Amino acid sequence: MFFGADPNQPGTLRFNLFRFPVSIHWSFWIIPLIWGSSGFGGDPVEQTRYLFIWVLVFFVSILGHELGHALAYRRYGGKAQIIIHGMGGMAVSNGSYTRRQKIIITIGGPAVGFMMAALSLFLIFILNPDTLNIYVIRFLVMMIWINSIWSALNLLPVYPLDGGQLLSHIMHERKPVLRGKIGGITAAIAGLLLFIKLNSIFAAIMFGFLAYQNFQAAERARRGYW
């Protein structure tokens, strides 16, 4: 289990959103703070303001993504809770679902991400940028950037990303060796491209770790330890 993934751990903020229990562990805030601190330069006051907006956008995006999964669980009669932790977030349900339902539930998260990006873009178009606060514009631009790019990356066939889970459901949970190799190769290529195109060391490390995890899973499956 990821650090902070237990909703009963100390240092966890709890509340309800649309009747879904939400738990946020303090470790969640570390990643956006570290990632954001290296992305904004210039005046310290402006840097602090932009960092605050970045963390807020990061939080709203993760919460919206997991809410998409939770709403899909509810659509099929399940009860879900949202847990946000040091490695991201998850929507958890103890219900039993068909393969088709699992596919739709998995797609629910990225779908909400794309919708949040589209809504932010729509607001920028219909609102007068001359009268908007610069920080509101910055918030909307970051919402577009994070939700469009991350939702697309999240659909890559890399476990435990939604794309990896989607591949597993489509293949009826079979051929774990093949799934692991596909995930490992895809993650390695994604990490390399993100480093070259965006100069993102953080993304390269993250996808490098995912590549290692997927290759290890493929090797365990090959040896019969799946």
C-alpha atoms as a PDB file:
ATOM      1  CA  MET A   1       0.000   0.000   0.000  1.00  0.00           C
ATOM      2  CA  PHE A   2       1.249   3.488  -0.837  1.00  0.00           C
ATOM      3  CA  PHE A   3       2.346   5.722   2.021  1.00  0.00           C
ATOM      4  CA  GLY A   4      -0.714   7.607   3.216  1.00  0.00           C
ATOM      5  CA  ALA A   5      -3.137   5.285   1.413  1.00  0.00           C
ATOM      6  CA  ASP A   6      -4.673   4.145   4.714  1.00  0.00           C
ATOM      7  CA  PRO A   7      -7.479   6.657   5.416  1.00  0.00           C
ATOM      8  CA  ASN A   8      -7.093   6.041   9.157  1.00  0.00           C
ATOM      9  CA  GLN A   9      -3.474   7.165   9.361  1.00  0.00           C
ATOM     10  CA  PRO A  10      -2.600  10.209  11.494  1.00  0.00           C
ATOM     11  CA  GLY A  11      -2.278  13.478   9.607  1.00  0.00           C
ATOM     12  CA  THR A  12      -5.251  12.738   7.351  1.00  0.00           C
ATOM     13  CA  LEU A  13      -7.872  15.354   6.462  1.00  0.00           C
ATOM     14  CA  ARG A  14     -11.355  13.873   6.070  1.00  0.00           C
ATOM     15  CA  PHE A  15     -14.534  15.299   4.577  1.00  0.00           C
ATOM     16  CA  ASN A  16     -17.440  14.301   2.320  1.00  0.00           C
ATOM     17  CA  LEU A  17     -17.870  15.390  -1.301  1.00  0.00           C
ATOM     18  CA  PHE A  18     -21.168  14.537  -3.030  1.00  0.00           C
ATOM     19  CA  ARG A  19     -21.645  11.939  -0.264  1.00  0.00           C
ATOM     20  CA  PHE A  20     -18.285  10.307  -1.016  1.00  0.00           C
ATOM     21  CA  PRO A  21     -15.886  10.050   1.955  1.00  0.00           C
ATOM     22  CA  VAL A  22     -12.628  11.809   1.035  1.00  0.00           C
ATOM     23  CA  SER A  23      -9.319  11.293   2.869  1.00  0.00           C
ATOM     24  CA  ILE A  24      -6.256  13.443   2.151  1.00  0.00           C
ATOM     25  CA  HIS A  25      -2.963  12.449   3.760  1.00  0.00           C
ATOM     26  CA  TRP A  26      -0.418  15.183   4.473  1.00  0.00           C
ATOM     27  CA  SER A  27       2.156  13.423   2.246  1.00  0.00           C
ATOM     28  CA  PHE A  28       0.094  14.321  -0.833  1.00  0.00           C
ATOM     29  CA  TRP A  29       1.209  17.952  -0.668  1.00  0.00           C
ATOM     30  CA  ILE A  30       4.909  17.075  -0.939  1.00  0.00           C
ATOM     31  CA  ILE A  31       4.941  16.207  -4.662  1.00  0.00           C
ATOM     32  CA  PRO A  32       3.236  19.382  -6.002  1.00  0.00           C
ATOM     33  CA  LEU A  33       5.352  21.538  -3.688  1.00  0.00           C
ATOM     34  CA  ILE A  34       8.618  19.974  -4.870  1.00  0.00           C
ATOM     35  CA  TRP A  35       7.553  19.887  -8.515  1.00  0.00           C
ATOM     36  CA  GLY A  36       6.205  23.429  -8.440  1.00  0.00           C
ATOM     37  CA  SER A  37       9.153  24.910  -6.564  1.00  0.00           C
ATOM     38  CA  SER A  38      11.470  24.131  -9.456  1.00  0.00           C
ATOM     39  CA  GLY A  39       9.134  25.520 -12.114  1.00  0.00           C
ATOM     40  CA  PHE A  40       8.708  29.164 -11.170  1.00  0.00           C
ATOM     41  CA  GLY A  41      11.477  31.721 -10.991  1.00  0.00           C
ATOM     42  CA  GLY A  42      11.681  35.467 -10.559  1.00  0.00           C
ATOM     43  CA  ASP A  43      10.319  37.552  -7.731  1.00  0.00           C
ATOM     44  CA  PRO A  44       9.873  35.480  -4.525  1.00  0.00           C
ATOM     45  CA  VAL A  45       6.414  36.935  -3.858  1.00  0.00           C
ATOM     46  CA  GLU A  46       5.189  36.094  -7.360  1.00  0.00           C
ATOM     47  CA  GLN A  47       6.840  32.702  -7.133  1.00  0.00           C
ATOM     48  CA  THR A  48       4.940  31.968  -3.918  1.00  0.00           C
ATOM     49  CA  ARG A  49       1.644  33.030  -5.493  1.00  0.00           C
ATOM     50  CA  TYR A  50       2.172  30.888  -8.564  1.00  0.00           C
ATOM     51  CA  LEU A  51       3.230  27.967  -6.382  1.00  0.00           C
ATOM     52  CA  PHE A  52      -0.017  28.298  -4.422  1.00  0.00           C
ATOM     53  CA  ILE A  53      -2.020  28.276  -7.677  1.00  0.00           C
ATOM     54  CA  TRP A  54      -0.050  25.274  -8.929  1.00  0.00           C
ATOM     55  CA  VAL A  55      -0.727  23.272  -5.750  1.00  0.00           C
ATOM     56  CA  LEU A  56      -4.415  24.238  -5.866  1.00  0.00           C
ATOM     57  CA  VAL A  57      -4.719  23.154  -9.509  1.00  0.00           C
ATOM     58  CA  PHE A  58      -2.863  19.916  -8.748  1.00  0.00           C
ATOM     59  CA  PHE A  59      -5.258  19.166  -5.882  1.00  0.00           C
ATOM     60  CA  VAL A  60      -8.430  20.050  -7.814  1.00  0.00           C
ATOM     61  CA  SER A  61      -7.254  17.943 -10.765  1.00  0.00           C
ATOM     62  CA  ILE A  62      -6.483  14.860  -8.661  1.00  0.00           C
ATOM     63  CA  LEU A  63      -9.730  15.186  -6.723  1.00  0.00           C
ATOM     64  CA  GLY A  64     -11.761  15.650  -9.915  1.00  0.00           C
ATOM     65  CA  HIS A  65     -10.081  12.649 -11.521  1.00  0.00           C
ATOM     66  CA  GLU A  66     -10.872  10.358  -8.595  1.00  0.00           C
ATOM     67  CA  LEU A  67     -14.385  11.776  -8.390  1.00  0.00           C
ATOM     68  CA  GLY A  68     -14.883  10.580 -11.966  1.00  0.00           C
ATOM     69  CA  HIS A  69     -14.070   7.024 -10.896  1.00  0.00           C
ATOM     70  CA  ALA A  70     -16.259   7.317  -7.789  1.00  0.00           C
ATOM     71  CA  LEU A  71     -19.260   8.563  -9.774  1.00  0.00           C
ATOM     72  CA  ALA A  72     -18.881   5.636 -12.171  1.00  0.00           C
ATOM     73  CA  TYR A  73     -18.823   3.236  -9.210  1.00  0.00           C
ATOM     74  CA  ARG A  74     -22.036   4.813  -7.942  1.00  0.00           C
ATOM     75  CA  ARG A  75     -23.580   4.539 -11.422  1.00  0.00           C
ATOM     76  CA  TYR A  76     -23.286   0.752 -11.099  1.00  0.00           C
ATOM     77  CA  GLY A  77     -24.637   0.568  -7.581  1.00  0.00           C
ATOM     78  CA  GLY A  78     -21.339   0.592  -5.713  1.00  0.00           C
ATOM     79  CA  LYS A  79     -20.154   2.631  -2.758  1.00  0.00           C
ATOM     80  CA  ALA A  80     -16.801   4.361  -3.108  1.00  0.00           C
ATOM     81  CA  GLN A  81     -14.385   6.453  -1.109  1.00  0.00           C
ATOM     82  CA  ILE A  82     -11.631   8.733  -2.387  1.00  0.00           C
ATOM     83  CA  ILE A  83      -8.148   8.469  -0.885  1.00  0.00           C
ATOM     84  CA  ILE A  84      -5.479  11.016  -1.838  1.00  0.00           C
ATOM     85  CA  HIS A  85      -1.973  10.115  -0.702  1.00  0.00           C
ATOM     86  CA  GLY A  86       1.721  10.684  -1.318  1.00  0.00           C
ATOM     87  CA  MET A  87       1.724   8.940  -4.697  1.00  0.00           C
ATOM     88  CA  GLY A  88      -1.487  10.428  -6.065  1.00  0.00           C
ATOM     89  CA  GLY A  89      -4.987   9.174  -5.403  1.00  0.00           C
ATOM     90  CA  MET A  90      -7.436   6.327  -5.738  1.00  0.00           C
ATOM     91  CA  ALA A  91     -11.158   5.709  -5.672  1.00  0.00           C
ATOM     92  CA  VAL A  92     -11.841   2.528  -3.722  1.00  0.00           C
ATOM     93  CA  SER A  93     -14.936   0.344  -3.866  1.00  0.00           C
ATOM     94  CA  ASN A  94     -15.648  -3.119  -2.489  1.00  0.00           C
ATOM     95  CA  GLY A  95     -18.362  -3.842  -5.028  1.00  0.00           C
ATOM     96  CA  SER A  96     -18.362  -6.525  -7.716  1.00  0.00           C
ATOM     97  CA  TYR A  97     -18.438  -5.321 -11.317  1.00  0.00           C
ATOM     98  CA  THR A  98     -18.578  -6.819 -14.791  1.00  0.00           C
ATOM     99  CA  ARG A  99     -15.691  -6.393 -17.221  1.00  0.00           C
ATOM    100  CA  ARG A 100     -17.642  -3.774 -19.190  1.00  0.00           C
ATOM    101  CA  GLN A 101     -18.426  -1.861 -16.006  1.00  0.00           C
ATOM    102  CA  LYS A 102     -14.762  -1.980 -14.940  1.00  0.00           C
ATOM    103  CA  ILE A 103     -13.757  -0.504 -18.300  1.00  0.00           C
ATOM    104  CA  ILE A 104     -16.219   2.388 -17.949  1.00  0.00           C
ATOM    105  CA  ILE A 105     -15.204   2.974 -14.315  1.00  0.00           C
ATOM    106  CA  THR A 106     -11.559   3.129 -15.371  1.00  0.00           C
ATOM    107  CA  ILE A 107     -12.300   5.610 -18.160  1.00  0.00           C
ATOM    108  CA  GLY A 108     -14.316   7.786 -15.758  1.00  0.00           C
ATOM    109  CA  GLY A 109     -11.248   9.440 -14.212  1.00  0.00           C
ATOM    110  CA  PRO A 110      -9.513  10.618 -17.409  1.00  0.00           C
ATOM    111  CA  ALA A 111     -12.902  11.605 -18.858  1.00  0.00           C
ATOM    112  CA  VAL A 112     -13.463  14.074 -16.011  1.00  0.00           C
ATOM    113  CA  GLY A 113      -9.897  15.335 -16.475  1.00  0.00           C
ATOM    114  CA  PHE A 114     -10.537  16.124 -20.132  1.00  0.00           C
ATOM    115  CA  MET A 115     -13.839  17.771 -19.198  1.00  0.00           C
ATOM    116  CA  MET A 116     -12.109  20.013 -16.637  1.00  0.00           C
ATOM    117  CA  ALA A 117      -9.562  21.020 -19.285  1.00  0.00           C
ATOM    118  CA  ALA A 118     -12.339  21.737 -21.806  1.00  0.00           C
ATOM    119  CA  LEU A 119     -14.324  23.763 -19.262  1.00  0.00           C
ATOM    120  CA  SER A 120     -11.258  25.852 -18.394  1.00  0.00           C
ATOM    121  CA  LEU A 121     -10.587  26.490 -22.090  1.00  0.00           C
ATOM    122  CA  PHE A 122     -14.232  27.459 -22.608  1.00  0.00           C
ATOM    123  CA  LEU A 123     -14.072  29.947 -19.719  1.00  0.00           C
ATOM    124  CA  ILE A 124     -10.961  31.573 -21.162  1.00  0.00           C
ATOM    125  CA  PHE A 125     -12.736  32.026 -24.502  1.00  0.00           C
ATOM    126  CA  ILE A 126     -15.992  33.460 -23.151  1.00  0.00           C
ATOM    127  CA  LEU A 127     -14.524  35.691 -20.430  1.00  0.00           C
ATOM    128  CA  ASN A 128     -12.789  38.971 -21.186  1.00  0.00           C
ATOM    129  CA  PRO A 129      -9.071  38.457 -20.447  1.00  0.00           C
ATOM    130  CA  ASP A 130      -8.625  42.217 -19.996  1.00  0.00           C
ATOM    131  CA  THR A 131     -10.911  42.207 -16.968  1.00  0.00           C
ATOM    132  CA  LEU A 132      -9.793  38.883 -15.493  1.00  0.00           C
ATOM    133  CA  ASN A 133      -7.334  38.757 -12.637  1.00  0.00           C
ATOM    134  CA  ILE A 134      -3.948  37.493 -13.860  1.00  0.00           C
ATOM    135  CA  TYR A 135      -4.024  34.741 -11.242  1.00  0.00           C
ATOM    136  CA  VAL A 136      -7.433  33.539 -12.424  1.00  0.00           C
ATOM    137  CA  ILE A 137      -6.027  33.302 -15.949  1.00  0.00           C
ATOM    138  CA  ARG A 138      -3.002  31.450 -14.609  1.00  0.00           C
ATOM    139  CA  PHE A 139      -5.300  29.038 -12.760  1.00  0.00           C
ATOM    140  CA  LEU A 140      -7.338  28.292 -15.886  1.00  0.00           C
ATOM    141  CA  VAL A 141      -4.246  27.859 -18.071  1.00  0.00           C
ATOM    142  CA  MET A 142      -2.741  25.445 -15.549  1.00  0.00           C
ATOM    143  CA  MET A 143      -6.040  23.536 -15.395  1.00  0.00           C
ATOM    144  CA  ILE A 144      -5.925  23.109 -19.170  1.00  0.00           C
ATOM    145  CA  TRP A 145      -2.282  22.079 -19.175  1.00  0.00           C
ATOM    146  CA  ILE A 146      -2.359  19.635 -16.262  1.00  0.00           C
ATOM    147  CA  ASN A 147      -5.680  17.961 -17.058  1.00  0.00           C
ATOM    148  CA  SER A 148      -5.147  17.554 -20.800  1.00  0.00           C
ATOM    149  CA  ILE A 149      -1.576  16.270 -20.590  1.00  0.00           C
ATOM    150  CA  TRP A 150      -1.986  14.158 -17.476  1.00  0.00           C
ATOM    151  CA  SER A 151      -5.276  12.607 -18.643  1.00  0.00           C
ATOM    152  CA  ALA A 152      -3.580  11.611 -21.905  1.00  0.00           C
ATOM    153  CA  LEU A 153      -0.525  10.199 -20.110  1.00  0.00           C
ATOM    154  CA  ASN A 154      -2.768   8.387 -17.657  1.00  0.00           C
ATOM    155  CA  LEU A 155      -4.312   6.436 -20.537  1.00  0.00           C
ATOM    156  CA  LEU A 156      -0.960   4.945 -21.533  1.00  0.00           C
ATOM    157  CA  PRO A 157      -0.998   1.134 -21.085  1.00  0.00           C
ATOM    158  CA  VAL A 158       1.228   1.324 -18.005  1.00  0.00           C
ATOM    159  CA  TYR A 159       0.141  -0.277 -14.732  1.00  0.00           C
ATOM    160  CA  PRO A 160      -1.079   1.053 -12.282  1.00  0.00           C
ATOM    161  CA  LEU A 161      -2.167   3.999 -14.457  1.00  0.00           C
ATOM    162  CA  ASP A 162      -5.725   3.857 -15.770  1.00  0.00           C
ATOM    163  CA  GLY A 163      -4.464   2.842 -19.205  1.00  0.00           C
ATOM    164  CA  GLY A 164      -2.695  -0.170 -17.717  1.00  0.00           C
ATOM    165  CA  GLN A 165      -5.820  -1.189 -15.828  1.00  0.00           C
ATOM    166  CA  LEU A 166      -7.855  -0.661 -18.987  1.00  0.00           C
ATOM    167  CA  LEU A 167      -5.530  -2.985 -20.912  1.00  0.00           C
ATOM    168  CA  SER A 168      -5.904  -5.578 -18.164  1.00  0.00           C
ATOM    169  CA  HIS A 169      -9.711  -5.432 -18.323  1.00  0.00           C
ATOM    170  CA  ILE A 170      -9.727  -5.594 -22.132  1.00  0.00           C
ATOM    171  CA  MET A 171      -7.477  -8.674 -22.040  1.00  0.00           C
ATOM    172  CA  HIS A 172      -9.677 -10.332 -19.389  1.00  0.00           C
ATOM    173  CA  GLU A 173      -6.791 -10.102 -16.851  1.00  0.00           C
ATOM    174  CA  ARG A 174      -4.840 -12.577 -19.029  1.00  0.00           C
ATOM    175  CA  LYS A 175      -1.295 -12.552 -20.452  1.00  0.00           C
ATOM    176  CA  PRO A 176       0.329 -10.756 -17.496  1.00  0.00           C
ATOM    177  CA  VAL A 177       3.818 -11.166 -19.003  1.00  0.00           C
ATOM    178  CA  LEU A 178       2.778  -9.377 -22.196  1.00  0.00           C
ATOM    179  CA  ARG A 179       0.958  -6.660 -20.247  1.00  0.00           C
ATOM    180  CA  GLY A 180       4.009  -6.083 -18.074  1.00  0.00           C
ATOM    181  CA  LYS A 181       6.330  -5.810 -21.067  1.00  0.00           C
ATOM    182  CA  ILE A 182       3.967  -3.429 -22.863  1.00  0.00           C
ATOM    183  CA  GLY A 183       3.750  -1.287 -19.738  1.00  0.00           C
ATOM    184  CA  GLY A 184       7.506  -1.294 -19.163  1.00  0.00           C
ATOM    185  CA  ILE A 185       8.413  -0.351 -22.727  1.00  0.00           C
ATOM    186  CA  THR A 186       5.696   2.321 -22.903  1.00  0.00           C
ATOM    187  CA  ALA A 187       6.752   3.863 -19.578  1.00  0.00           C
ATOM    188  CA  ALA A 188      10.417   3.934 -20.595  1.00  0.00           C
ATOM    189  CA  ILE A 189       9.623   5.672 -23.891  1.00  0.00           C
ATOM    190  CA  ALA A 190       7.253   8.142 -22.177  1.00  0.00           C
ATOM    191  CA  GLY A 191       9.845   9.025 -19.544  1.00  0.00           C
ATOM    192  CA  LEU A 192      12.520   9.600 -22.178  1.00  0.00           C
ATOM    193  CA  LEU A 193      10.268  11.785 -24.352  1.00  0.00           C
ATOM    194  CA  LEU A 194       9.062  13.853 -21.394  1.00  0.00           C
ATOM    195  CA  PHE A 195      12.649  14.465 -20.356  1.00  0.00           C
ATOM    196  CA  ILE A 196      13.706  15.477 -23.894  1.00  0.00           C
ATOM    197  CA  LYS A 197      10.626  17.543 -24.815  1.00  0.00           C
ATOM    198  CA  LEU A 198       9.748  19.108 -21.455  1.00  0.00           C
ATOM    199  CA  ASN A 199      13.075  18.775 -19.647  1.00  0.00           C
ATOM    200  CA  SER A 200      11.086  17.233 -16.792  1.00  0.00           C
ATOM    201  CA  ILE A 201      13.384  15.275 -14.514  1.00  0.00           C
ATOM    202  CA  PHE A 202      10.471  14.526 -12.172  1.00  0.00           C
ATOM    203  CA  ALA A 203       8.391  12.950 -14.966  1.00  0.00           C
ATOM    204  CA  ALA A 204      11.410  10.980 -16.193  1.00  0.00           C
ATOM    205  CA  ILE A 205      12.005   9.560 -12.707  1.00  0.00           C
ATOM    206  CA  MET A 206       8.328   8.745 -12.226  1.00  0.00           C
ATOM    207  CA  PHE A 207       7.976   6.906 -15.548  1.00  0.00           C
ATOM    208  CA  GLY A 208      11.346   5.255 -15.038  1.00  0.00           C
ATOM    209  CA  PHE A 209      10.042   3.855 -11.766  1.00  0.00           C
ATOM    210  CA  LEU A 210       6.833   2.712 -13.479  1.00  0.00           C
ATOM    211  CA  ALA A 211       8.894   1.019 -16.204  1.00  0.00           C
ATOM    212  CA  TYR A 212      10.859  -0.859 -13.545  1.00  0.00           C
ATOM    213  CA  GLN A 213       7.635  -1.890 -11.776  1.00  0.00           C
ATOM    214  CA  ASN A 214       6.075  -3.213 -14.983  1.00  0.00           C
ATOM    215  CA  PHE A 215       9.162  -5.150 -16.059  1.00  0.00           C
ATOM    216  CA  GLN A 216       9.374  -6.645 -12.563  1.00  0.00           C
ATOM    217  CA  ALA A 217       5.699  -7.632 -12.762  1.00  0.00           C
ATOM    218  CA  ALA A 218       6.320  -9.294 -16.131  1.00  0.00           C
ATOM    219  CA  GLU A 219       9.269 -11.228 -14.702  1.00  0.00           C
ATOM    220  CA  ARG A 220       7.268 -12.375 -11.671  1.00  0.00           C
ATOM    221  CA  ALA A 221       4.448 -13.503 -13.960  1.00  0.00           C
ATOM    222  CA  ARG A 222       6.924 -15.390 -16.161  1.00  0.00           C
ATOM    223  CA  ARG A 223       8.146 -17.257 -13.098  1.00  0.00           C
ATOM    224  CA  GLY A 224       4.604 -18.024 -12.007  1.00  0.00           C
ATOM    225  CA  TYR A 225       4.428 -15.592  -9.075  1.00  0.00           C
ATOM    226  CA  TRP A 226       1.709 -13.353 -10.524  1.00  0.00           C
END
